[in-house]
Structures are given as C-alpha cells and as structure tokens.
C-alpha cells in the first residue's frame, strides 16, 4: 500500500469520526510513521484520535502531536473540580471517593477500587475533564 494511500485513509477516518470531524485534525508522514496534529478540547479526544489512526489497516507508528486547548483560563483547582464532576457521573460510589490531585493539568488519581474496570473508568473520566493534559493512576485494585 502506498504511503500516500495510508495517510489518506487515516485522514478520512479522522474526518469522518463524529467525535473528531469538527476539529479539522491533520494526518501527515509515511506509512511507517504517521503524525496526527491539530487542537482538541480534552485529553479523551486526543486519545480517541490516536486510536482511530491506529485502527487504519497498514498504519505503523502513530505520533500524537495533538494539542489540548480549553476556552479561557483554567487552574488546577478548576481541573480537580472538573475531574470530580466527571467521576460523579458514574453510579459507582467508590469512584467519588478517589483522591484527585492536579499539577499543571496533570491529574493524579489515588485510592482503592474493587474492580479493574472501575480503574479504567476513572482514568477515562479524568481524561474527559477540561484542562487535563495527562492522567497518572495511583489507584490500587483490591483482589
């Protein structure tokens, strides 16, 4: 498969994804290494764009150069609040008991959860919050 063909397919996948199309993300590079760039609102969208690009047949490495930008100023207190709000959307009470720290947009989640899938839910919830640029999990899962 020609390099341009793979890049075109990644671009088409990004352009047709209902969660990403409005951002006008761009795919460049070669079949071996494709770079996706542009600006999205939250970390979860950045991660989603990378998954979309990697799912295209023939794609080698994907470099995710997408920037996260929120409208207006948001400080670490706002980030903690937003992450707490996202965690609160889930019915599992134990997610709301996690400790949330934020430092320059990097969120650290701490605490104990009863199931591994709840840990993944917590990480994904944090990534949906405005102002989050990274998520560090210090969550323990009880066996």
Protein backbone atom coordinates (compact mmCIF):
# COMPACT_ATOMS: atom_id res chain seq x y z
CA UNK A 1 0.00 0.00 0.00
CA UNK A 2 1.44 3.36 -0.96
CA UNK A 3 2.34 5.76 1.82
CA UNK A 4 0.03 8.49 0.50
CA UNK A 5 -2.82 5.98 0.40
CA UNK A 6 -2.39 5.15 4.12
CA UNK A 7 -2.20 8.83 5.05
CA UNK A 8 -5.35 9.50 3.01
CA UNK A 9 -7.15 6.67 4.80
CA UNK A 10 -6.11 7.99 8.23
CA UNK A 11 -7.21 11.49 7.22
CA UNK A 12 -10.56 10.12 6.03
CA UNK A 13 -11.01 8.20 9.30
CA UNK A 14 -10.32 11.35 11.36
CA UNK A 15 -12.58 13.48 9.14
CA UNK A 16 -15.47 11.02 9.30
CA UNK A 17 -15.37 10.31 13.04
CA UNK A 18 -18.37 12.05 14.62
CA UNK A 19 -16.37 13.00 17.73
CA UNK A 20 -13.40 14.42 15.81
CA UNK A 21 -14.61 15.83 12.49
CA UNK A 22 -15.26 19.32 13.83
CA UNK A 23 -11.60 19.73 14.90
CA UNK A 24 -10.05 19.51 11.43
CA UNK A 25 -7.21 17.26 12.58
CA UNK A 26 -4.42 16.56 10.10
CA UNK A 27 -2.52 13.37 9.24
CA UNK A 28 0.98 13.60 7.74
CA UNK A 29 4.05 11.43 7.36
CA UNK A 30 4.56 7.98 5.91
CA UNK A 31 3.06 4.52 6.26
CA UNK A 32 5.74 3.69 8.83
CA UNK A 33 5.10 6.78 10.98
CA UNK A 34 2.04 8.98 10.78
CA UNK A 35 1.81 12.19 12.78
CA UNK A 36 -1.62 13.48 13.70
CA UNK A 37 -1.89 17.12 14.68
CA UNK A 38 -4.43 19.79 15.49
CA UNK A 39 -6.24 21.04 18.57
CA UNK A 40 -8.93 19.31 20.67
CA UNK A 41 -10.76 20.29 23.85
CA UNK A 42 -9.94 17.38 26.18
CA UNK A 43 -7.40 14.59 26.63
CA UNK A 44 -10.00 11.89 25.92
CA UNK A 45 -10.41 13.29 22.39
CA UNK A 46 -6.64 13.24 21.87
CA UNK A 47 -6.53 9.58 22.93
CA UNK A 48 -9.54 8.79 20.74
CA UNK A 49 -7.87 10.33 17.67
CA UNK A 50 -4.82 8.15 18.20
CA UNK A 51 -6.98 5.01 18.47
CA UNK A 52 -8.79 5.99 15.24
CA UNK A 53 -5.47 6.45 13.40
CA UNK A 54 -4.01 3.16 14.70
CA UNK A 55 -7.12 1.27 13.61
CA UNK A 56 -6.49 2.06 9.93
CA UNK A 57 -5.00 -1.01 8.18
CA UNK A 58 -1.38 -0.54 7.14
CA UNK A 59 -0.53 2.09 9.74
CA UNK A 60 2.77 1.64 11.53
CA UNK A 61 3.65 4.01 14.37
CA UNK A 62 1.38 6.94 15.24
CA UNK A 63 2.86 10.09 16.73
CA UNK A 64 0.16 12.05 18.52
CA UNK A 65 1.08 15.74 18.25
CA UNK A 66 -2.43 16.97 19.04
CA UNK A 67 -2.65 19.91 21.42
CA UNK A 68 -5.30 20.24 24.12
CA UNK A 69 -6.77 23.70 24.47
CA UNK A 70 -9.64 24.84 26.64
CA UNK A 71 -11.55 28.07 26.25
CA UNK A 72 -10.43 30.56 28.89
CA UNK A 73 -8.18 30.16 31.89
CA UNK A 74 -8.42 27.01 33.98
CA UNK A 75 -6.26 26.40 37.03
CA UNK A 76 -5.51 23.21 38.95
CA UNK A 77 -8.40 23.86 41.35
CA UNK A 78 -10.74 24.00 38.36
CA UNK A 79 -9.20 20.81 36.98
CA UNK A 80 -9.77 18.95 40.28
CA UNK A 81 -13.38 20.17 40.31
CA UNK A 82 -13.96 19.10 36.69
CA UNK A 83 -12.47 15.64 37.31
CA UNK A 84 -14.67 15.25 40.40
CA UNK A 85 -17.70 16.17 38.31
CA UNK A 86 -16.80 13.58 35.65
CA UNK A 87 -16.26 10.86 38.28
CA UNK A 88 -19.60 11.79 39.84
CA UNK A 89 -21.41 10.92 36.62
CA UNK A 90 -20.86 7.21 37.24
CA UNK A 91 -23.19 5.25 39.54
CA UNK A 92 -20.36 3.54 41.42
CA UNK A 93 -19.91 5.43 44.70
CA UNK A 94 -16.32 4.26 45.12
CA UNK A 95 -15.24 6.41 42.14
CA UNK A 96 -16.29 9.51 44.04
CA UNK A 97 -14.02 8.50 46.93
CA UNK A 98 -10.83 8.73 44.89
CA UNK A 99 -8.32 11.41 45.79
CA UNK A 100 -7.73 13.89 42.95
CA UNK A 101 -4.56 15.94 42.67
CA UNK A 102 -3.71 18.30 39.81
CA UNK A 103 -0.40 19.87 38.91
CA UNK A 104 -0.26 21.98 35.73
CA UNK A 105 -3.10 19.93 34.28
CA UNK A 106 -1.62 16.53 35.10
CA UNK A 107 -4.11 14.70 37.29
CA UNK A 108 -3.08 12.01 39.77
CA UNK A 109 -5.83 9.68 40.99
CA UNK A 110 -5.31 7.79 44.25
CA UNK A 111 -7.39 5.33 46.19
CA UNK A 112 -8.76 1.80 46.15
CA UNK A 113 -11.30 0.30 43.83
CA UNK A 114 -12.92 -3.11 43.86
CA UNK A 115 -12.63 -3.97 40.14
CA UNK A 116 -10.06 -3.32 37.37
CA UNK A 117 -12.74 -1.94 35.02
CA UNK A 118 -13.50 0.80 37.56
CA UNK A 119 -9.87 1.89 37.41
CA UNK A 120 -10.19 2.26 33.63
CA UNK A 121 -13.48 4.18 34.06
CA UNK A 122 -11.76 6.57 36.47
CA UNK A 123 -8.88 7.22 34.07
CA UNK A 124 -11.26 7.80 31.16
CA UNK A 125 -13.46 10.08 33.28
CA UNK A 126 -10.46 12.20 34.27
CA UNK A 127 -9.41 12.45 30.61
CA UNK A 128 -12.83 13.94 29.74
CA UNK A 129 -12.39 16.87 32.13
CA UNK A 130 -11.42 20.29 30.79
CA UNK A 131 -7.83 21.31 31.46
CA UNK A 132 -6.46 17.79 31.90
CA UNK A 133 -3.30 17.18 29.86
CA UNK A 134 -2.27 13.90 31.49
CA UNK A 135 -3.55 11.28 33.91
CA UNK A 136 -1.42 9.34 36.40
CA UNK A 137 -3.10 6.42 38.15
CA UNK A 138 -2.02 5.54 41.67
CA UNK A 139 -5.22 3.52 42.08
CA UNK A 140 -4.99 0.13 43.75
CA UNK A 141 -7.44 -2.58 42.79
CA UNK A 142 -8.42 -4.92 45.60
CA UNK A 143 -8.20 -8.55 44.60
